[in-house]
Amino acid sequence: MNTYVVLLRQMPNRSNRLRRTFLEAHVIADIGKRAGVRVTNLLVTDGIFGAVIVCRASGAEEMIPFFDGLEGWSTEALLATSHTQFEPISDSDR
């Protein structure tokens, strides 16, 4: 399974897509499930991008229907590879 980081930017209201997909975990997860993509995290952000989705898929062919389901959002996707595993800091380590 490949890990993808997807950056979402709101499309202008004048775009041909009138409906905008809600940034709710269950909505995004359902779109992913229908496309064969496992959404692992949804982060709503403040700035140029409205949200970041971290997801897993077998390949790029599953990502295309996932992007199509994200109506009203322009997407930029990055194939991501982890080189380091971080352990959570416990209160006793502080």
PDB file of N, CA and C in Angstrom:
ATOM      1  N   MET A   1       0.842  -1.188   0.000  1.00  0.00           N
ATOM      2  CA  MET A   1       0.000   0.000   0.000  1.00  0.00           C
ATOM      3  C   MET A   1       0.882   1.245   0.000  1.00  0.00           C
ATOM      4  N   ASN A   2       0.499   2.199  -0.803  1.00  0.00           N
ATOM      5  CA  ASN A   2       1.189   3.485  -0.873  1.00  0.00           C
ATOM      6  C   ASN A   2       0.479   4.490   0.025  1.00  0.00           C
ATOM      7  N   THR A   3       1.252   5.403   0.583  1.00  0.00           N
ATOM      8  CA  THR A   3       0.697   6.486   1.380  1.00  0.00           C
ATOM      9  C   THR A   3       0.711   7.753   0.532  1.00  0.00           C
ATOM     10  N   TYR A   4      -0.409   8.470   0.552  1.00  0.00           N
ATOM     11  CA  TYR A   4      -0.532   9.718  -0.193  1.00  0.00           C
ATOM     12  C   TYR A   4      -0.918  10.841   0.765  1.00  0.00           C
ATOM     13  N   VAL A   5      -0.367  12.018   0.525  1.00  0.00           N
ATOM     14  CA  VAL A   5      -0.764  13.233   1.223  1.00  0.00           C
ATOM     15  C   VAL A   5      -1.465  14.089   0.171  1.00  0.00           C
ATOM     16  N   VAL A   6      -2.723  14.419   0.436  1.00  0.00           N
ATOM     17  CA  VAL A   6      -3.533  15.166  -0.525  1.00  0.00           C
ATOM     18  C   VAL A   6      -3.832  16.538   0.061  1.00  0.00           C
ATOM     19  N   LEU A   7      -3.455  17.587  -0.662  1.00  0.00           N
ATOM     20  CA  LEU A   7      -3.710  18.962  -0.251  1.00  0.00           C
ATOM     21  C   LEU A   7      -4.953  19.448  -0.981  1.00  0.00           C
ATOM     22  N   LEU A   8      -5.897  20.018  -0.235  1.00  0.00           N
ATOM     23  CA  LEU A   8      -7.156  20.494  -0.818  1.00  0.00           C
ATOM     24  C   LEU A   8      -7.214  22.015  -0.768  1.00  0.00           C
ATOM     25  N   ARG A   9      -7.574  22.597  -1.886  1.00  0.00           N
ATOM     26  CA  ARG A   9      -7.754  24.046  -1.982  1.00  0.00           C
ATOM     27  C   ARG A   9      -9.151  24.293  -2.540  1.00  0.00           C
ATOM     28  N   GLN A  10      -9.897  25.211  -1.928  1.00  0.00           N
ATOM     29  CA  GLN A  10     -11.247  25.504  -2.402  1.00  0.00           C
ATOM     30  C   GLN A  10     -11.210  26.031  -3.822  1.00  0.00           C
ATOM     31  N   MET A  11     -12.121  25.506  -4.663  1.00  0.00           N
ATOM     32  CA  MET A  11     -12.261  26.047  -6.016  1.00  0.00           C
ATOM     33  C   MET A  11     -13.098  27.318  -5.925  1.00  0.00           C
ATOM     34  N   PRO A  12     -12.856  28.261  -6.815  1.00  0.00           N
ATOM     35  CA  PRO A  12     -13.680  29.477  -6.803  1.00  0.00           C
ATOM     36  C   PRO A  12     -15.145  29.138  -7.037  1.00  0.00           C
ATOM     37  N   ASN A  13     -16.035  29.958  -6.511  1.00  0.00           N
ATOM     38  CA  ASN A  13     -17.473  29.731  -6.651  1.00  0.00           C
ATOM     39  C   ASN A  13     -17.920  29.737  -8.108  1.00  0.00           C
ATOM     40  N   ARG A  14     -17.173  30.376  -8.983  1.00  0.00           N
ATOM     41  CA  ARG A  14     -17.567  30.453 -10.380  1.00  0.00           C
ATOM     42  C   ARG A  14     -17.202  29.184 -11.158  1.00  0.00           C
ATOM     43  N   SER A  15     -16.623  28.201 -10.462  1.00  0.00           N
ATOM     44  CA  SER A  15     -16.253  26.962 -11.146  1.00  0.00           C
ATOM     45  C   SER A  15     -17.497  26.205 -11.598  1.00  0.00           C
ATOM     46  N   ASN A  16     -17.299  25.223 -12.476  1.00  0.00           N
ATOM     47  CA  ASN A  16     -18.432  24.459 -12.990  1.00  0.00           C
ATOM     48  C   ASN A  16     -18.967  23.458 -11.979  1.00  0.00           C
ATOM     49  N   ARG A  17     -18.300  23.276 -10.872  1.00  0.00           N
ATOM     50  CA  ARG A  17     -18.794  22.388  -9.817  1.00  0.00           C
ATOM     51  C   ARG A  17     -19.467  23.251  -8.758  1.00  0.00           C
ATOM     52  N   LEU A  18     -20.768  23.150  -8.686  1.00  0.00           N
ATOM     53  CA  LEU A  18     -21.522  24.021  -7.789  1.00  0.00           C
ATOM     54  C   LEU A  18     -21.530  23.519  -6.356  1.00  0.00           C
ATOM     55  N   ARG A  19     -21.468  22.202  -6.166  1.00  0.00           N
ATOM     56  CA  ARG A  19     -21.541  21.622  -4.830  1.00  0.00           C
ATOM     57  C   ARG A  19     -20.127  21.416  -4.279  1.00  0.00           C
ATOM     58  N   ARG A  20     -19.937  21.712  -3.002  1.00  0.00           N
ATOM     59  CA  ARG A  20     -18.634  21.485  -2.383  1.00  0.00           C
ATOM     60  C   ARG A  20     -18.774  20.381  -1.354  1.00  0.00           C
ATOM     61  N   THR A  21     -17.882  19.389  -1.411  1.00  0.00           N
ATOM     62  CA  THR A  21     -17.871  18.287  -0.455  1.00  0.00           C
ATOM     63  C   THR A  21     -17.553  18.833   0.930  1.00  0.00           C
ATOM     64  N   PHE A  22     -18.318  18.408   1.932  1.00  0.00           N
ATOM     65  CA  PHE A  22     -18.077  18.836   3.309  1.00  0.00           C
ATOM     66  C   PHE A  22     -16.821  18.166   3.854  1.00  0.00           C
ATOM     67  N   LEU A  23     -16.048  18.904   4.613  1.00  0.00           N
ATOM     68  CA  LEU A  23     -14.829  18.371   5.219  1.00  0.00           C
ATOM     69  C   LEU A  23     -15.158  17.734   6.560  1.00  0.00           C
ATOM     70  N   GLU A  24     -15.910  16.654   6.507  1.00  0.00           N
ATOM     71  CA  GLU A  24     -16.239  15.883   7.703  1.00  0.00           C
ATOM     72  C   GLU A  24     -15.648  14.496   7.527  1.00  0.00           C
ATOM     73  N   ALA A  25     -15.119  13.958   8.608  1.00  0.00           N
ATOM     74  CA  ALA A  25     -14.395  12.685   8.540  1.00  0.00           C
ATOM     75  C   ALA A  25     -15.215  11.579   7.896  1.00  0.00           C
ATOM     76  N   HIS A  26     -16.484  11.429   8.294  1.00  0.00           N
ATOM     77  CA  HIS A  26     -17.286  10.335   7.745  1.00  0.00           C
ATOM     78  C   HIS A  26     -17.576  10.523   6.258  1.00  0.00           C
ATOM     79  N   VAL A  27     -17.710  11.771   5.794  1.00  0.00           N
ATOM     80  CA  VAL A  27     -17.957  12.043   4.378  1.00  0.00           C
ATOM     81  C   VAL A  27     -16.722  11.685   3.553  1.00  0.00           C
ATOM     82  N   ILE A  28     -15.550  12.148   3.992  1.00  0.00           N
ATOM     83  CA  ILE A  28     -14.301  11.883   3.272  1.00  0.00           C
ATOM     84  C   ILE A  28     -13.989  10.386   3.301  1.00  0.00           C
ATOM     85  N   ALA A  29     -14.198   9.742   4.443  1.00  0.00           N
ATOM     86  CA  ALA A  29     -13.934   8.304   4.553  1.00  0.00           C
ATOM     87  C   ALA A  29     -14.848   7.513   3.618  1.00  0.00           C
ATOM     88  N   ASP A  30     -16.108   7.928   3.480  1.00  0.00           N
ATOM     89  CA  ASP A  30     -17.043   7.239   2.592  1.00  0.00           C
ATOM     90  C   ASP A  30     -16.621   7.383   1.129  1.00  0.00           C
ATOM     91  N   ILE A  31     -16.191   8.569   0.738  1.00  0.00           N
ATOM     92  CA  ILE A  31     -15.695   8.780  -0.626  1.00  0.00           C
ATOM     93  C   ILE A  31     -14.489   7.875  -0.873  1.00  0.00           C
ATOM     94  N   GLY A  32     -13.599   7.808   0.110  1.00  0.00           N
ATOM     95  CA  GLY A  32     -12.425   6.952  -0.009  1.00  0.00           C
ATOM     96  C   GLY A  32     -12.800   5.483  -0.120  1.00  0.00           C
ATOM     97  N   LYS A  33     -13.718   5.047   0.699  1.00  0.00           N
ATOM     98  CA  LYS A  33     -14.131   3.635   0.700  1.00  0.00           C
ATOM     99  C   LYS A  33     -14.683   3.232  -0.660  1.00  0.00           C
ATOM    100  N   ARG A  34     -15.522   4.096  -1.241  1.00  0.00           N
ATOM    101  CA  ARG A  34     -16.090   3.805  -2.566  1.00  0.00           C
ATOM    102  C   ARG A  34     -15.011   3.727  -3.646  1.00  0.00           C
ATOM    103  N   ALA A  35     -13.908   4.470  -3.470  1.00  0.00           N
ATOM    104  CA  ALA A  35     -12.832   4.491  -4.465  1.00  0.00           C
ATOM    105  C   ALA A  35     -11.756   3.438  -4.190  1.00  0.00           C
ATOM    106  N   GLY A  36     -11.840   2.765  -3.047  1.00  0.00           N
ATOM    107  CA  GLY A  36     -10.798   1.803  -2.689  1.00  0.00           C
ATOM    108  C   GLY A  36      -9.609   2.444  -2.008  1.00  0.00           C
ATOM    109  N   VAL A  37      -9.845   3.605  -1.388  1.00  0.00           N
ATOM    110  CA  VAL A  37      -8.794   4.366  -0.691  1.00  0.00           C
ATOM    111  C   VAL A  37      -9.116   4.361   0.796  1.00  0.00           C
ATOM    112  N   ARG A  38      -8.117   4.091   1.628  1.00  0.00           N
ATOM    113  CA  ARG A  38      -8.300   4.113   3.091  1.00  0.00           C
ATOM    114  C   ARG A  38      -7.790   5.443   3.633  1.00  0.00           C
ATOM    115  N   VAL A  39      -8.708   6.271   4.107  1.00  0.00           N
ATOM    116  CA  VAL A  39      -8.342   7.572   4.674  1.00  0.00           C
ATOM    117  C   VAL A  39      -7.868   7.339   6.103  1.00  0.00           C
ATOM    118  N   THR A  40      -6.651   7.798   6.425  1.00  0.00           N
ATOM    119  CA  THR A  40      -6.109   7.598   7.765  1.00  0.00           C
ATOM    120  C   THR A  40      -6.140   8.866   8.614  1.00  0.00           C
ATOM    121  N   ASN A  41      -6.198  10.033   7.949  1.00  0.00           N
ATOM    122  CA  ASN A  41      -6.242  11.274   8.720  1.00  0.00           C
ATOM    123  C   ASN A  41      -6.801  12.393   7.852  1.00  0.00           C
ATOM    124  N   LEU A  42      -7.573  13.267   8.468  1.00  0.00           N
ATOM    125  CA  LEU A  42      -8.096  14.477   7.833  1.00  0.00           C
ATOM    126  C   LEU A  42      -7.749  15.641   8.744  1.00  0.00           C
ATOM    127  N   LEU A  43      -6.996  16.579   8.204  1.00  0.00           N
ATOM    128  CA  LEU A  43      -6.595  17.757   8.969  1.00  0.00           C
ATOM    129  C   LEU A  43      -7.161  18.990   8.280  1.00  0.00           C
ATOM    130  N   VAL A  44      -8.010  19.741   8.967  1.00  0.00           N
ATOM    131  CA  VAL A  44      -8.514  20.998   8.424  1.00  0.00           C
ATOM    132  C   VAL A  44      -7.482  22.058   8.776  1.00  0.00           C
ATOM    133  N   THR A  45      -7.104  22.858   7.778  1.00  0.00           N
ATOM    134  CA  THR A  45      -6.004  23.806   7.960  1.00  0.00           C
ATOM    135  C   THR A  45      -6.453  25.234   7.694  1.00  0.00           C
ATOM    136  N   ASP A  46      -5.634  26.167   8.108  1.00  0.00           N
ATOM    137  CA  ASP A  46      -5.871  27.584   7.907  1.00  0.00           C
ATOM    138  C   ASP A  46      -4.745  28.098   7.027  1.00  0.00           C
ATOM    139  N   GLY A  47      -5.079  28.646   5.893  1.00  0.00           N
ATOM    140  CA  GLY A  47      -4.056  29.136   4.989  1.00  0.00           C
ATOM    141  C   GLY A  47      -4.433  28.870   3.547  1.00  0.00           C
ATOM    142  N   ILE A  48      -3.442  28.669   2.697  1.00  0.00           N
ATOM    143  CA  ILE A  48      -3.676  28.449   1.268  1.00  0.00           C
ATOM    144  C   ILE A  48      -4.523  27.202   1.046  1.00  0.00           C
ATOM    145  N   PHE A  49      -4.237  26.143   1.803  1.00  0.00           N
ATOM    146  CA  PHE A  49      -4.978  24.894   1.661  1.00  0.00           C
ATOM    147  C   PHE A  49      -6.017  24.798   2.770  1.00  0.00           C
ATOM    148  N   GLY A  50      -7.200  24.286   2.426  1.00  0.00           N
ATOM    149  CA  GLY A  50      -8.284  24.161   3.392  1.00  0.00           C
ATOM    150  C   GLY A  50      -8.205  22.892   4.212  1.00  0.00           C
ATOM    151  N   ALA A  51      -7.501  21.888   3.671  1.00  0.00           N
ATOM    152  CA  ALA A  51      -7.401  20.622   4.391  1.00  0.00           C
ATOM    153  C   ALA A  51      -6.264  19.786   3.815  1.00  0.00           C
ATOM    154  N   VAL A  52      -5.844  18.828   4.620  1.00  0.00           N
ATOM    155  CA  VAL A  52      -4.847  17.839   4.220  1.00  0.00           C
ATOM    156  C   VAL A  52      -5.430  16.472   4.545  1.00  0.00           C
ATOM    157  N   ILE A  53      -5.401  15.577   3.571  1.00  0.00           N
ATOM    158  CA  ILE A  53      -5.869  14.215   3.782  1.00  0.00           C
ATOM    159  C   ILE A  53      -4.674  13.283   3.653  1.00  0.00           C
ATOM    160  N   VAL A  54      -4.501  12.404   4.625  1.00  0.00           N
ATOM    161  CA  VAL A  54      -3.489  11.356   4.544  1.00  0.00           C
ATOM    162  C   VAL A  54      -4.255  10.064   4.293  1.00  0.00           C
ATOM    163  N   CYS A  55      -3.861   9.354   3.239  1.00  0.00           N
ATOM    164  CA  CYS A  55      -4.603   8.143   2.884  1.00  0.00           C
ATOM    165  C   CYS A  55      -3.674   7.086   2.306  1.00  0.00           C
ATOM    166  N   ARG A  56      -4.230   5.879   2.180  1.00  0.00           N
ATOM    167  CA  ARG A  56      -3.474   4.742   1.645  1.00  0.00           C
ATOM    168  C   ARG A  56      -4.255   4.133   0.503  1.00  0.00           C
ATOM    169  N   ALA A  57      -3.532   3.757  -0.545  1.00  0.00           N
ATOM    170  CA  ALA A  57      -4.145   3.124  -1.708  1.00  0.00           C
ATOM    171  C   ALA A  57      -3.114   2.230  -2.375  1.00  0.00           C
ATOM    172  N   SER A  58      -3.604   1.239  -3.102  1.00  0.00           N
ATOM    173  CA  SER A  58      -2.706   0.320  -3.807  1.00  0.00           C
ATOM    174  C   SER A  58      -1.914   1.035  -4.885  1.00  0.00           C
ATOM    175  N   GLY A  59      -2.536   1.980  -5.548  1.00  0.00           N
ATOM    176  CA  GLY A  59      -1.865   2.710  -6.616  1.00  0.00           C
ATOM    177  C   GLY A  59      -2.650   3.929  -7.035  1.00  0.00           C
ATOM    178  N   ALA A  60      -2.123   4.630  -8.007  1.00  0.00           N
ATOM    179  CA  ALA A  60      -2.723   5.885  -8.470  1.00  0.00           C
ATOM    180  C   ALA A  60      -4.101   5.680  -9.082  1.00  0.00           C
ATOM    181  N   GLU A  61      -4.375   4.473  -9.618  1.00  0.00           N
ATOM    182  CA  GLU A  61      -5.679   4.239 -10.257  1.00  0.00           C
ATOM    183  C   GLU A  61      -6.835   4.349  -9.267  1.00  0.00           C
ATOM    184  N   GLU A  62      -6.609   4.078  -7.980  1.00  0.00           N
ATOM    185  CA  GLU A  62      -7.657   4.266  -6.970  1.00  0.00           C
ATOM    186  C   GLU A  62      -7.822   5.735  -6.601  1.00  0.00           C
ATOM    187  N   MET A  63      -6.773   6.508  -6.756  1.00  0.00           N
ATOM    188  CA  MET A  63      -6.825   7.902  -6.342  1.00  0.00           C
ATOM    189  C   MET A  63      -7.695   8.750  -7.264  1.00  0.00           C
ATOM    190  N   ILE A  64      -7.766   8.407  -8.543  1.00  0.00           N
ATOM    191  CA  ILE A  64      -8.525   9.221  -9.498  1.00  0.00           C
ATOM    192  C   ILE A  64     -10.003   9.307  -9.124  1.00  0.00           C
ATOM    193  N   PRO A  65     -10.704   8.180  -8.863  1.00  0.00           N
ATOM    194  CA  PRO A  65     -12.108   8.328  -8.448  1.00  0.00           C
ATOM    195  C   PRO A  65     -12.250   9.011  -7.082  1.00  0.00           C
ATOM    196  N   PHE A  66     -11.240   8.874  -6.230  1.00  0.00           N
ATOM    197  CA  PHE A  66     -11.265   9.568  -4.942  1.00  0.00           C
ATOM    198  C   PHE A  66     -11.251  11.077  -5.172  1.00  0.00           C
ATOM    199  N   PHE A  67     -10.362  11.557  -6.051  1.00  0.00           N
ATOM    200  CA  PHE A  67     -10.300  12.991  -6.365  1.00  0.00           C
ATOM    201  C   PHE A  67     -11.608  13.475  -6.975  1.00  0.00           C
ATOM    202  N   ASP A  68     -12.193  12.664  -7.864  1.00  0.00           N
ATOM    203  CA  ASP A  68     -13.460  13.044  -8.490  1.00  0.00           C
ATOM    204  C   ASP A  68     -14.575  13.206  -7.456  1.00  0.00           C
ATOM    205  N   GLY A  69     -14.520  12.452  -6.369  1.00  0.00           N
ATOM    206  CA  GLY A  69     -15.525  12.551  -5.320  1.00  0.00           C
ATOM    207  C   GLY A  69     -15.385  13.783  -4.452  1.00  0.00           C
ATOM    208  N   LEU A  70     -14.241  14.437  -4.513  1.00  0.00           N
ATOM    209  CA  LEU A  70     -14.002  15.637  -3.697  1.00  0.00           C
ATOM    210  C   LEU A  70     -14.443  16.873  -4.467  1.00  0.00           C
ATOM    211  N   GLU A  71     -15.739  16.992  -4.669  1.00  0.00           N
ATOM    212  CA  GLU A  71     -16.278  18.078  -5.480  1.00  0.00           C
ATOM    213  C   GLU A  71     -16.057  19.438  -4.841  1.00  0.00           C
ATOM    214  N   GLY A  72     -15.702  20.400  -5.673  1.00  0.00           N
ATOM    215  CA  GLY A  72     -15.494  21.766  -5.216  1.00  0.00           C
ATOM    216  C   GLY A  72     -14.108  22.019  -4.642  1.00  0.00           C
ATOM    217  N   TRP A  73     -13.250  21.020  -4.716  1.00  0.00           N
ATOM    218  CA  TRP A  73     -11.894  21.148  -4.185  1.00  0.00           C
ATOM    219  C   TRP A  73     -10.876  20.842  -5.276  1.00  0.00           C
ATOM    220  N   SER A  74      -9.870  21.658  -5.372  1.00  0.00           N
ATOM    221  CA  SER A  74      -8.739  21.380  -6.247  1.00  0.00           C
ATOM    222  C   SER A  74      -7.744  20.583  -5.406  1.00  0.00           C
ATOM    223  N   THR A  75      -7.144  19.553  -5.977  1.00  0.00           N
ATOM    224  CA  THR A  75      -6.274  18.665  -5.204  1.00  0.00           C
ATOM    225  C   THR A  75      -4.850  18.667  -5.726  1.00  0.00           C
ATOM    226  N   GLU A  76      -3.920  18.510  -4.807  1.00  0.00           N
ATOM    227  CA  GLU A  76      -2.520  18.253  -5.126  1.00  0.00           C
ATOM    228  C   GLU A  76      -2.125  17.049  -4.287  1.00  0.00           C
ATOM    229  N   ALA A  77      -1.642  16.008  -4.942  1.00  0.00           N
ATOM    230  CA  ALA A  77      -1.322  14.768  -4.232  1.00  0.00           C
ATOM    231  C   ALA A  77       0.171  14.506  -4.256  1.00  0.00           C
ATOM    232  N   LEU A  78       0.665  14.022  -3.137  1.00  0.00           N
ATOM    233  CA  LEU A  78       2.075  13.667  -2.990  1.00  0.00           C
ATOM    234  C   LEU A  78       2.158  12.216  -2.552  1.00  0.00           C
ATOM    235  N   LEU A  79       2.976  11.431  -3.234  1.00  0.00           N
ATOM    236  CA  LEU A  79       3.269  10.071  -2.799  1.00  0.00           C
ATOM    237  C   LEU A  79       4.282  10.209  -1.672  1.00  0.00           C
ATOM    238  N   ALA A  80       3.988   9.637  -0.520  1.00  0.00           N
ATOM    239  CA  ALA A  80       4.817   9.853   0.665  1.00  0.00           C
ATOM    240  C   ALA A  80       5.437   8.544   1.142  1.00  0.00           C
ATOM    241  N   THR A  81       6.660   8.631   1.621  1.00  0.00           N
ATOM    242  CA  THR A  81       7.364   7.497   2.191  1.00  0.00           C
ATOM    243  C   THR A  81       7.950   7.929   3.525  1.00  0.00           C
ATOM    244  N   SER A  82       7.702   7.152   4.560  1.00  0.00           N
ATOM    245  CA  SER A  82       8.231   7.457   5.877  1.00  0.00           C
ATOM    246  C   SER A  82       9.636   6.876   6.006  1.00  0.00           C
ATOM    247  N   HIS A  83      10.558   7.700   6.453  1.00  0.00           N
ATOM    248  CA  HIS A  83      11.926   7.248   6.679  1.00  0.00           C
ATOM    249  C   HIS A  83      12.244   7.095   8.151  1.00  0.00           C
ATOM    250  N   THR A  84      11.362   7.639   9.001  1.00  0.00           N
ATOM    251  CA  THR A  84      11.604   7.632  10.437  1.00  0.00           C
ATOM    252  C   THR A  84      10.305   7.357  11.168  1.00  0.00           C
ATOM    253  N   GLN A  85      10.380   6.566  12.209  1.00  0.00           N
ATOM    254  CA  GLN A  85       9.236   6.348  13.082  1.00  0.00           C
ATOM    255  C   GLN A  85       9.501   7.083  14.387  1.00  0.00           C
ATOM    256  N   PHE A  86       8.566   7.909  14.799  1.00  0.00           N
ATOM    257  CA  PHE A  86       8.704   8.655  16.041  1.00  0.00           C
ATOM    258  C   PHE A  86       7.861   8.001  17.118  1.00  0.00           C
ATOM    259  N   GLU A  87       8.408   7.912  18.293  1.00  0.00           N
ATOM    260  CA  GLU A  87       7.682   7.383  19.440  1.00  0.00           C
ATOM    261  C   GLU A  87       7.028   8.547  20.170  1.00  0.00           C
ATOM    262  N   PRO A  88       5.800   8.370  20.633  1.00  0.00           N
ATOM    263  CA  PRO A  88       5.153   9.444  21.403  1.00  0.00           C
ATOM    264  C   PRO A  88       5.942   9.747  22.682  1.00  0.00           C
ATOM    265  N   ILE A  89       5.948  11.009  23.054  1.00  0.00           N
ATOM    266  CA  ILE A  89       6.640  11.434  24.275  1.00  0.00           C
ATOM    267  C   ILE A  89       5.682  11.232  25.442  1.00  0.00           C
ATOM    268  N   SER A  90       6.117  10.500  26.442  1.00  0.00           N
ATOM    269  CA  SER A  90       5.280  10.301  27.612  1.00  0.00           C
ATOM    270  C   SER A  90       5.521  11.428  28.602  1.00  0.00           C
ATOM    271  N   ASP A  91       4.611  11.601  29.558  1.00  0.00           N
ATOM    272  CA  ASP A  91       4.748  12.664  30.548  1.00  0.00           C
ATOM    273  C   ASP A  91       6.003  12.474  31.395  1.00  0.00           C
ATOM    274  N   SER A  92       6.441  11.242  31.607  1.00  0.00           N
ATOM    275  CA  SER A  92       7.641  11.009  32.434  1.00  0.00           C
ATOM    276  C   SER A  92       8.917  11.416  31.706  1.00  0.00           C
ATOM    277  N   ASP A  93       8.879  11.532  30.360  1.00  0.00           N
ATOM    278  CA  ASP A  93      10.059  11.944  29.612  1.00  0.00           C
ATOM    279  C   ASP A  93      10.242  13.448  29.566  1.00  0.00           C
ATOM    280  N   ARG A  94       9.267  14.196  30.022  1.00  0.00           N
ATOM    281  CA  ARG A  94       9.332  15.671  29.916  1.00  0.00           C
ATOM    282  C   ARG A  94      10.061  16.268  31.060  1.00  0.00           C
TER     283      ARG A  94
END
